[in-house]
Amino acid sequence: MDRKLTLKLDKEVIEKAKEYASRNKKSLSRIIESYLQSLTSDDPRDNSEEIKISPFVKELSQPTAIPEDFDYKKELGNHYSKKHQ
């Protein structure tokens, strides 16, 4: 059941939010409702339809195999020496 809610917000925030809603073809009410749902939800999967993960972020989350004998200090030193040549 939908009900009316009145909020008092900064004018600039409202304008930016309206522009964001327009660019994303969503109503400001729907965006705020989704945000409040995500804050109050016990299960983060409830709002999975609203969450879109970019391909770049997905790529970063892929597991990588690091050799057991990897010396990060040596590699960092090599990086800095190349950087400051």
Protein backbone atom coordinates (compact mmCIF):
# COMPACT_ATOMS: atom_id res chain seq x y z
CA MET A 1 0.00 0.00 0.00
CA ASP A 2 1.51 3.31 -1.05
CA ARG A 3 1.44 6.28 1.28
CA LYS A 4 2.61 9.85 0.97
CA LEU A 5 5.79 10.97 2.76
CA THR A 6 7.04 14.54 3.00
CA LEU A 7 10.78 15.08 3.35
CA LYS A 8 12.76 18.23 4.02
CA LEU A 9 16.01 18.15 2.01
CA ASP A 10 18.61 20.56 0.71
CA LYS A 11 17.53 22.21 -2.56
CA GLU A 12 20.71 21.17 -4.41
CA VAL A 13 20.32 17.57 -3.29
CA ILE A 14 16.77 17.52 -4.60
CA GLU A 15 17.81 18.94 -7.98
CA LYS A 16 20.67 16.47 -8.36
CA ALA A 17 18.40 13.61 -7.34
CA LYS A 18 15.79 14.65 -9.92
CA GLU A 19 18.46 14.79 -12.64
CA TYR A 20 19.74 11.36 -11.60
CA ALA A 21 16.21 9.92 -11.67
CA SER A 22 15.58 11.41 -15.09
CA ARG A 23 18.85 10.05 -16.52
CA ASN A 24 18.06 6.59 -15.17
CA LYS A 25 14.39 6.71 -16.25
CA LYS A 26 13.12 6.09 -12.71
CA SER A 27 10.91 8.08 -10.43
CA LEU A 28 12.49 9.77 -7.45
CA SER A 29 9.97 8.01 -5.23
CA ARG A 30 11.06 4.61 -6.55
CA ILE A 31 14.74 5.42 -6.00
CA ILE A 32 14.13 6.55 -2.42
CA GLU A 33 11.89 3.54 -1.74
CA SER A 34 14.57 1.19 -3.06
CA TYR A 35 17.23 2.89 -0.96
CA LEU A 36 15.14 2.67 2.21
CA GLN A 37 14.38 -0.98 1.46
CA SER A 38 18.08 -1.74 1.13
CA LEU A 39 18.79 -0.02 4.45
CA THR A 40 16.10 -1.92 6.33
CA SER A 41 16.35 -5.31 4.62
CA ASP A 42 17.76 -8.26 6.53
CA ASP A 43 18.61 -10.01 3.28
CA PRO A 44 20.71 -7.97 0.81
CA ARG A 45 19.49 -10.21 -2.04
CA ASP A 46 16.01 -8.70 -1.69
CA ASN A 47 17.07 -5.76 -3.85
CA SER A 48 19.34 -7.60 -6.27
CA GLU A 49 17.32 -6.33 -9.24
CA GLU A 50 18.34 -2.77 -8.37
CA ILE A 51 22.05 -3.58 -8.00
CA LYS A 52 24.05 -3.66 -11.20
CA ILE A 53 27.72 -4.57 -11.01
CA SER A 54 29.90 -3.22 -13.79
CA PRO A 55 32.06 -5.64 -15.80
CA PHE A 56 35.17 -3.90 -14.45
CA VAL A 57 34.18 -4.61 -10.85
CA LYS A 58 33.29 -8.21 -11.73
CA GLU A 59 36.74 -8.61 -13.27
CA LEU A 60 38.37 -7.34 -10.08
CA SER A 61 36.49 -9.86 -7.98
CA GLN A 62 37.82 -12.88 -9.89
CA PRO A 63 40.20 -15.02 -7.82
CA THR A 64 43.83 -15.06 -8.87
CA ALA A 65 46.51 -17.58 -8.00
CA ILE A 66 49.51 -16.06 -6.26
CA PRO A 67 52.59 -18.29 -6.05
CA GLU A 68 53.62 -19.28 -2.52
CA ASP A 69 57.15 -17.93 -3.10
CA PHE A 70 55.91 -14.52 -4.33
CA ASP A 71 58.00 -11.75 -2.79
CA TYR A 72 55.81 -8.66 -2.84
CA LYS A 73 58.53 -6.46 -1.32
CA LYS A 74 60.90 -7.36 -4.14
CA GLU A 75 58.20 -6.74 -6.75
CA LEU A 76 57.28 -3.43 -5.17
CA GLY A 77 60.95 -2.43 -5.17
CA ASN A 78 61.21 -3.34 -8.86
CA HIS A 79 58.12 -1.30 -9.60
CA TYR A 80 59.46 1.77 -7.81
CA SER A 81 62.89 1.51 -9.41
CA LYS A 82 61.30 1.39 -12.88
CA LYS A 83 58.94 4.22 -12.01
CA HIS A 84 61.69 6.56 -10.84
CA GLN A 85 64.31 5.94 -13.53
